[in-house]
Amino acid sequence: VEFVSKKEANRFYKVIRRDRQSDIFDNIFLLNGY
């Protein structure tokens, strides 16, 4: 999943990690300019 904004990518990363449905993933990673 790619966002044009770092801030929006970070927000989504936090949301998806706390969402119970995200248990479908074994690993969730963030990749940005930082």
All heavy atoms as atom14 arrays in JSON, in Angstrom:
{
  "sequence": "VEFVSKKEANRFYKVIRRDRQSDIFDNIFLLNGY",
  "atom14_mask": [
    [1, 1, 1, 1, 1, 1, 1, 0, 0, 0, 0, 0, 0, 0],
    [1, 1, 1, 1, 1, 1, 1, 1, 1, 0, 0, 0, 0, 0],
    [1, 1, 1, 1, 1, 1, 1, 1, 1, 1, 1, 0, 0, 0],
    [1, 1, 1, 1, 1, 1, 1, 0, 0, 0, 0, 0, 0, 0],
    [1, 1, 1, 1, 1, 1, 0, 0, 0, 0, 0, 0, 0, 0],
    [1, 1, 1, 1, 1, 1, 1, 1, 1, 0, 0, 0, 0, 0],
    [1, 1, 1, 1, 1, 1, 1, 1, 1, 0, 0, 0, 0, 0],
    [1, 1, 1, 1, 1, 1, 1, 1, 1, 0, 0, 0, 0, 0],
    [1, 1, 1, 1, 1, 0, 0, 0, 0, 0, 0, 0, 0, 0],
    [1, 1, 1, 1, 1, 1, 1, 1, 0, 0, 0, 0, 0, 0],
    [1, 1, 1, 1, 1, 1, 1, 1, 1, 1, 1, 0, 0, 0],
    [1, 1, 1, 1, 1, 1, 1, 1, 1, 1, 1, 0, 0, 0],
    [1, 1, 1, 1, 1, 1, 1, 1, 1, 1, 1, 1, 0, 0],
    [1, 1, 1, 1, 1, 1, 1, 1, 1, 0, 0, 0, 0, 0],
    [1, 1, 1, 1, 1, 1, 1, 0, 0, 0, 0, 0, 0, 0],
    [1, 1, 1, 1, 1, 1, 1, 1, 0, 0, 0, 0, 0, 0],
    [1, 1, 1, 1, 1, 1, 1, 1, 1, 1, 1, 0, 0, 0],
    [1, 1, 1, 1, 1, 1, 1, 1, 1, 1, 1, 0, 0, 0],
    [1, 1, 1, 1, 1, 1, 1, 1, 0, 0, 0, 0, 0, 0],
    [1, 1, 1, 1, 1, 1, 1, 1, 1, 1, 1, 0, 0, 0],
    [1, 1, 1, 1, 1, 1, 1, 1, 1, 0, 0, 0, 0, 0],
    [1, 1, 1, 1, 1, 1, 0, 0, 0, 0, 0, 0, 0, 0],
    [1, 1, 1, 1, 1, 1, 1, 1, 0, 0, 0, 0, 0, 0],
    [1, 1, 1, 1, 1, 1, 1, 1, 0, 0, 0, 0, 0, 0],
    [1, 1, 1, 1, 1, 1, 1, 1, 1, 1, 1, 0, 0, 0],
    [1, 1, 1, 1, 1, 1, 1, 1, 0, 0, 0, 0, 0, 0],
    [1, 1, 1, 1, 1, 1, 1, 1, 0, 0, 0, 0, 0, 0],
    [1, 1, 1, 1, 1, 1, 1, 1, 0, 0, 0, 0, 0, 0],
    [1, 1, 1, 1, 1, 1, 1, 1, 1, 1, 1, 0, 0, 0],
    [1, 1, 1, 1, 1, 1, 1, 1, 0, 0, 0, 0, 0, 0],
    [1, 1, 1, 1, 1, 1, 1, 1, 0, 0, 0, 0, 0, 0],
    [1, 1, 1, 1, 1, 1, 1, 1, 0, 0, 0, 0, 0, 0],
    [1, 1, 1, 1, 0, 0, 0, 0, 0, 0, 0, 0, 0, 0],
    [1, 1, 1, 1, 1, 1, 1, 1, 1, 1, 1, 1, 0, 0]
  ],
  "atom14_positions": [
    [[0.86, -1.18, 0.0], [0.0, 0.0, 0.0], [0.89, 1.23, 0.0], [1.74, 1.39, 0.89], [-0.93, 0.05, 1.23], [-1.84, 1.27, 1.17], [-1.76, -1.22, 1.33], [0.0, 0.0, 0.0], [0.0, 0.0, 0.0], [0.0, 0.0, 0.0], [0.0, 0.0, 0.0], [0.0, 0.0, 0.0], [0.0, 0.0, 0.0], [0.0, 0.0, 0.0]],
    [[0.71, 2.09, -1.0], [1.55, 3.3, -1.09], [0.71, 4.57, -0.96], [-0.33, 4.71, -1.62], [2.31, 3.35, -2.41], [3.22, 4.58, -2.51], [3.63, 4.92, -3.92], [4.25, 4.07, -4.58], [3.29, 6.04, -4.39], [0.0, 0.0, 0.0], [0.0, 0.0, 0.0], [0.0, 0.0, 0.0], [0.0, 0.0, 0.0], [0.0, 0.0, 0.0]],
    [[1.19, 5.49, -0.13], [0.6, 6.82, 0.01], [1.58, 7.87, -0.52], [2.8, 7.68, -0.42], [0.3, 7.13, 1.49], [-0.82, 6.33, 2.06], [-0.61, 5.06, 2.57], [-2.11, 6.85, 2.11], [-1.64, 4.32, 3.1], [-3.16, 6.12, 2.65], [-2.93, 4.85, 3.14], [0.0, 0.0, 0.0], [0.0, 0.0, 0.0], [0.0, 0.0, 0.0]],
    [[1.05, 8.97, -1.06], [1.93, 10.04, -1.52], [2.46, 10.86, -0.35], [3.47, 11.56, -0.47], [1.24, 10.97, -2.53], [0.83, 10.22, -3.79], [0.03, 11.66, -1.92], [0.0, 0.0, 0.0], [0.0, 0.0, 0.0], [0.0, 0.0, 0.0], [0.0, 0.0, 0.0], [0.0, 0.0, 0.0], [0.0, 0.0, 0.0], [0.0, 0.0, 0.0]],
    [[1.8, 10.79, 0.8], [2.16, 11.58, 1.96], [2.74, 10.69, 3.06], [2.16, 9.66, 3.41], [0.93, 12.32, 2.5], [1.07, 12.69, 3.84], [0.0, 0.0, 0.0], [0.0, 0.0, 0.0], [0.0, 0.0, 0.0], [0.0, 0.0, 0.0], [0.0, 0.0, 0.0], [0.0, 0.0, 0.0], [0.0, 0.0, 0.0], [0.0, 0.0, 0.0]],
    [[3.9, 11.08, 3.62], [4.49, 10.33, 4.74], [3.54, 10.31, 5.92], [3.38, 9.29, 6.6], [5.8, 10.99, 5.18], [7.01, 10.72, 4.32], [8.27, 11.1, 5.08], [9.46, 11.3, 4.16], [9.49, 12.65, 3.57], [0.0, 0.0, 0.0], [0.0, 0.0, 0.0], [0.0, 0.0, 0.0], [0.0, 0.0, 0.0], [0.0, 0.0, 0.0]],
    [[2.92, 11.45, 6.21], [2.04, 11.56, 7.36], [0.86, 10.59, 7.23], [0.5, 9.9, 8.19], [1.53, 12.99, 7.5], [0.66, 13.23, 8.72], [0.27, 14.69, 8.86], [-0.59, 14.92, 10.09], [-1.0, 16.34, 10.22], [0.0, 0.0, 0.0], [0.0, 0.0, 0.0], [0.0, 0.0, 0.0], [0.0, 0.0, 0.0], [0.0, 0.0, 0.0]],
    [[0.28, 10.53, 6.03], [-0.87, 9.64, 5.83], [-0.44, 8.18, 5.89], [-1.16, 7.32, 6.42], [-1.54, 9.96, 4.49], [-3.03, 9.73, 4.45], [-3.8, 10.62, 5.42], [-3.25, 11.65, 5.86], [-4.94, 10.28, 5.75], [0.0, 0.0, 0.0], [0.0, 0.0, 0.0], [0.0, 0.0, 0.0], [0.0, 0.0, 0.0], [0.0, 0.0, 0.0]],
    [[0.75, 7.88, 5.37], [1.27, 6.51, 5.45], [1.47, 6.1, 6.91], [1.12, 4.97, 7.3], [2.59, 6.4, 4.69], [0.0, 0.0, 0.0], [0.0, 0.0, 0.0], [0.0, 0.0, 0.0], [0.0, 0.0, 0.0], [0.0, 0.0, 0.0], [0.0, 0.0, 0.0], [0.0, 0.0, 0.0], [0.0, 0.0, 0.0], [0.0, 0.0, 0.0]],
    [[2.0, 7.0, 7.72], [2.21, 6.7, 9.14], [0.88, 6.5, 9.86], [0.75, 5.61, 10.71], [3.0, 7.83, 9.8], [4.45, 7.87, 9.36], [4.93, 6.93, 8.76], [5.14, 8.95, 9.66], [0.0, 0.0, 0.0], [0.0, 0.0, 0.0], [0.0, 0.0, 0.0], [0.0, 0.0, 0.0], [0.0, 0.0, 0.0], [0.0, 0.0, 0.0]],
    [[-0.11, 7.35, 9.55], [-1.44, 7.2, 10.16], [-2.04, 5.84, 9.82], [-2.57, 5.14, 10.68], [-2.37, 8.32, 9.68], [-2.1, 9.69, 10.29], [-3.13, 10.69, 9.77], [-4.47, 10.31, 10.17], [-5.57, 10.53, 9.46], [-5.47, 11.1, 8.26], [-6.75, 10.17, 9.9], [0.0, 0.0, 0.0], [0.0, 0.0, 0.0], [0.0, 0.0, 0.0]],
    [[-1.95, 5.47, 8.55], [-2.52, 4.19, 8.12], [-1.79, 3.03, 8.8], [-2.41, 2.04, 9.22], [-2.42, 4.07, 6.6], [-2.92, 2.76, 6.06], [-4.28, 2.5, 5.98], [-2.03, 1.79, 5.65], [-4.74, 1.28, 5.49], [-2.48, 0.58, 5.16], [-3.84, 0.32, 5.08], [0.0, 0.0, 0.0], [0.0, 0.0, 0.0], [0.0, 0.0, 0.0]],
    [[-0.47, 3.14, 8.89], [0.35, 2.1, 9.52], [-0.11, 1.87, 10.97], [-0.25, 0.72, 11.42], [1.81, 2.53, 9.48], [2.8, 1.58, 10.1], [2.98, 0.29, 9.6], [3.59, 1.98, 11.18], [3.9, -0.58, 10.17], [4.52, 1.13, 11.75], [4.67, -0.15, 11.24], [5.59, -1.0, 11.79], [0.0, 0.0, 0.0], [0.0, 0.0, 0.0]],
    [[-0.38, 2.96, 11.69], [-0.85, 2.84, 13.07], [-2.25, 2.23, 13.13], [-2.54, 1.37, 13.97], [-0.85, 4.22, 13.73], [0.53, 4.79, 13.98], [0.45, 6.19, 14.57], [1.84, 6.79, 14.77], [1.77, 8.19, 15.26], [0.0, 0.0, 0.0], [0.0, 0.0, 0.0], [0.0, 0.0, 0.0], [0.0, 0.0, 0.0], [0.0, 0.0, 0.0]],
    [[-3.13, 2.68, 12.22], [-4.51, 2.17, 12.2], [-4.53, 0.68, 11.89], [-5.21, -0.11, 12.57], [-5.35, 2.95, 11.17], [-6.67, 2.23, 10.89], [-5.63, 4.37, 11.66], [0.0, 0.0, 0.0], [0.0, 0.0, 0.0], [0.0, 0.0, 0.0], [0.0, 0.0, 0.0], [0.0, 0.0, 0.0], [0.0, 0.0, 0.0], [0.0, 0.0, 0.0]],
    [[-3.79, 0.28, 10.89], [-3.84, -1.1, 10.43], [-3.21, -2.04, 11.46], [-3.6, -3.2, 11.61], [-3.16, -1.26, 9.05], [-3.78, -2.43, 8.28], [-1.66, -1.43, 9.16], [-5.14, -2.14, 7.74], [0.0, 0.0, 0.0], [0.0, 0.0, 0.0], [0.0, 0.0, 0.0], [0.0, 0.0, 0.0], [0.0, 0.0, 0.0], [0.0, 0.0, 0.0]],
    [[-2.25, -1.56, 12.22], [-1.61, -2.41, 13.24], [-2.5, -2.6, 14.46], [-2.41, -3.64, 15.13], [-0.27, -1.8, 13.68], [0.81, -1.92, 12.62], [2.13, -1.38, 13.1], [2.7, -2.2, 14.16], [3.84, -1.91, 14.78], [4.51, -0.81, 14.46], [4.31, -2.69, 15.73], [0.0, 0.0, 0.0], [0.0, 0.0, 0.0], [0.0, 0.0, 0.0]],
    [[-3.35, -1.63, 14.74], [-4.22, -1.79, 15.92], [-5.53, -2.5, 15.56], [-6.28, -2.91, 16.43], [-4.52, -0.44, 16.55], [-5.49, 0.43, 15.78], [-6.02, 1.58, 16.63], [-7.08, 2.27, 15.92], [-6.96, 3.48, 15.41], [-5.82, 4.15, 15.52], [-7.98, 4.04, 14.79], [0.0, 0.0, 0.0], [0.0, 0.0, 0.0], [0.0, 0.0, 0.0]],
    [[-5.84, -2.62, 14.24], [-7.09, -3.23, 13.8], [-7.01, -4.74, 13.98], [-6.07, -5.39, 13.53], [-7.33, -2.88, 12.32], [-8.75, -3.17, 11.9], [-9.23, -4.28, 12.18], [-9.37, -2.28, 11.29], [0.0, 0.0, 0.0], [0.0, 0.0, 0.0], [0.0, 0.0, 0.0], [0.0, 0.0, 0.0], [0.0, 0.0, 0.0], [0.0, 0.0, 0.0]],
    [[-8.0, -5.33, 14.61], [-8.0, -6.77, 14.86], [-7.94, -7.57, 13.56], [-7.36, -8.64, 13.5], [-9.23, -7.19, 15.67], [-9.15, -6.81, 17.14], [-10.27, -7.43, 17.96], [-11.6, -7.1, 17.46], [-12.37, -7.93, 16.78], [-11.95, -9.16, 16.53], [-13.56, -7.56, 16.36], [0.0, 0.0, 0.0], [0.0, 0.0, 0.0], [0.0, 0.0, 0.0]],
    [[-8.59, -7.02, 12.49], [-8.59, -7.75, 11.22], [-7.2, -7.86, 10.61], [-6.95, -8.7, 9.76], [-9.52, -7.05, 10.21], [-11.0, -7.17, 10.55], [-11.84, -6.6, 9.44], [-11.99, -7.21, 8.39], [-12.38, -5.41, 9.66], [0.0, 0.0, 0.0], [0.0, 0.0, 0.0], [0.0, 0.0, 0.0], [0.0, 0.0, 0.0], [0.0, 0.0, 0.0]],
    [[-6.3, -6.96, 11.05], [-4.95, -7.01, 10.5], [-4.2, -8.27, 10.96], [-3.07, -8.5, 10.57], [-4.16, -5.76, 10.9], [-3.96, -5.71, 12.29], [0.0, 0.0, 0.0], [0.0, 0.0, 0.0], [0.0, 0.0, 0.0], [0.0, 0.0, 0.0], [0.0, 0.0, 0.0], [0.0, 0.0, 0.0], [0.0, 0.0, 0.0], [0.0, 0.0, 0.0]],
    [[-4.85, -9.08, 11.82], [-4.25, -10.35, 12.21], [-4.1, -11.29, 11.02], [-3.4, -12.31, 11.12], [-5.12, -11.04, 13.28], [-5.08, -10.3, 14.61], [-4.18, -9.46, 14.79], [-5.95, -10.55, 15.46], [0.0, 0.0, 0.0], [0.0, 0.0, 0.0], [0.0, 0.0, 0.0], [0.0, 0.0, 0.0], [0.0, 0.0, 0.0], [0.0, 0.0, 0.0]],
    [[-4.72, -10.95, 9.9], [-4.54, -11.78, 8.7], [-3.1, -11.71, 8.2], [-2.66, -12.58, 7.45], [-5.49, -11.36, 7.56], [-5.2, -9.93, 7.09], [-6.94, -11.5, 7.98], [-5.93, -9.55, 5.82], [0.0, 0.0, 0.0], [0.0, 0.0, 0.0], [0.0, 0.0, 0.0], [0.0, 0.0, 0.0], [0.0, 0.0, 0.0], [0.0, 0.0, 0.0]],
    [[-2.34, -10.69, 8.64], [-0.95, -10.56, 8.22], [-0.02, -11.09, 9.31], [-0.2, -10.83, 10.49], [-0.59, -9.09, 7.95], [-1.39, -8.48, 6.83], [-2.39, -7.56, 7.11], [-1.14, -8.82, 5.52], [-3.13, -6.99, 6.08], [-1.86, -8.26, 4.49], [-2.86, -7.34, 4.76], [0.0, 0.0, 0.0], [0.0, 0.0, 0.0], [0.0, 0.0, 0.0]],
    [[0.99, -11.83, 8.87], [2.02, -12.29, 9.8], [2.97, -11.16, 10.17], [3.52, -11.14, 11.27], [2.8, -13.46, 9.19], [1.92, -14.66, 8.91], [1.28, -15.15, 9.87], [1.85, -15.09, 7.75], [0.0, 0.0, 0.0], [0.0, 0.0, 0.0], [0.0, 0.0, 0.0], [0.0, 0.0, 0.0], [0.0, 0.0, 0.0], [0.0, 0.0, 0.0]],
    [[3.2, -10.25, 9.21], [4.09, -9.13, 9.45], [3.56, -7.89, 8.74], [3.03, -7.98, 7.63], [5.5, -9.42, 8.92], [6.29, -10.31, 9.86], [6.56, -9.95, 11.0], [6.66, -11.5, 9.38], [0.0, 0.0, 0.0], [0.0, 0.0, 0.0], [0.0, 0.0, 0.0], [0.0, 0.0, 0.0], [0.0, 0.0, 0.0], [0.0, 0.0, 0.0]],
    [[3.71, -6.73, 9.38], [3.35, -5.45, 8.78], [4.56, -4.53, 8.89], [5.1, -4.34, 9.99], [2.13, -4.81, 9.49], [0.93, -5.74, 9.43], [1.8, -3.46, 8.87], [-0.29, -5.23, 10.19], [0.0, 0.0, 0.0], [0.0, 0.0, 0.0], [0.0, 0.0, 0.0], [0.0, 0.0, 0.0], [0.0, 0.0, 0.0], [0.0, 0.0, 0.0]],
    [[5.0, -4.0, 7.76], [6.21, -3.18, 7.72], [5.9, -1.78, 7.21], [4.95, -1.57, 6.44], [7.26, -3.81, 6.81], [7.7, -5.18, 7.23], [7.51, -6.27, 6.38], [8.3, -5.4, 8.46], [7.92, -7.54, 6.76], [8.71, -6.66, 8.85], [8.52, -7.74, 7.99], [0.0, 0.0, 0.0], [0.0, 0.0, 0.0], [0.0, 0.0, 0.0]],
    [[6.74, -0.83, 7.61], [6.66, 0.54, 7.13], [7.94, 0.86, 6.37], [9.04, 0.55, 6.84], [6.5, 1.52, 8.3], [6.43, 3.01, 7.95], [5.17, 3.32, 7.16], [6.47, 3.86, 9.23], [0.0, 0.0, 0.0], [0.0, 0.0, 0.0], [0.0, 0.0, 0.0], [0.0, 0.0, 0.0], [0.0, 0.0, 0.0], [0.0, 0.0, 0.0]],
    [[7.8, 1.48, 5.2], [8.98, 1.87, 4.41], [8.76, 3.28, 3.88], [7.93, 3.5, 3.0], [9.18, 0.89, 3.25], [10.43, 1.1, 2.38], [11.68, 1.06, 3.24], [10.5, 0.03, 1.29], [0.0, 0.0, 0.0], [0.0, 0.0, 0.0], [0.0, 0.0, 0.0], [0.0, 0.0, 0.0], [0.0, 0.0, 0.0], [0.0, 0.0, 0.0]],
    [[9.49, 4.24, 4.47], [9.39, 5.62, 4.01], [10.78, 6.27, 4.02], [11.79, 5.6, 4.26], [8.4, 6.42, 4.87], [8.81, 6.49, 6.32], [9.99, 6.43, 6.67], [7.82, 6.62, 7.21], [0.0, 0.0, 0.0], [0.0, 0.0, 0.0], [0.0, 0.0, 0.0], [0.0, 0.0, 0.0], [0.0, 0.0, 0.0], [0.0, 0.0, 0.0]],
    [[10.82, 7.57, 3.76], [12.11, 8.25, 3.66], [12.84, 8.38, 4.97], [14.02, 8.79, 4.98], [0.0, 0.0, 0.0], [0.0, 0.0, 0.0], [0.0, 0.0, 0.0], [0.0, 0.0, 0.0], [0.0, 0.0, 0.0], [0.0, 0.0, 0.0], [0.0, 0.0, 0.0], [0.0, 0.0, 0.0], [0.0, 0.0, 0.0], [0.0, 0.0, 0.0]],
    [[12.21, 8.04, 6.09], [12.86, 8.11, 7.4], [13.49, 6.78, 7.8], [14.15, 6.69, 8.84], [11.86, 8.53, 8.48], [11.25, 9.9, 8.26], [9.93, 10.16, 8.58], [12.0, 10.94, 7.71], [9.36, 11.41, 8.39], [11.45, 12.19, 7.5], [10.12, 12.43, 7.84], [9.57, 13.65, 7.65], [0.0, 0.0, 0.0], [0.0, 0.0, 0.0]]
  ]
}
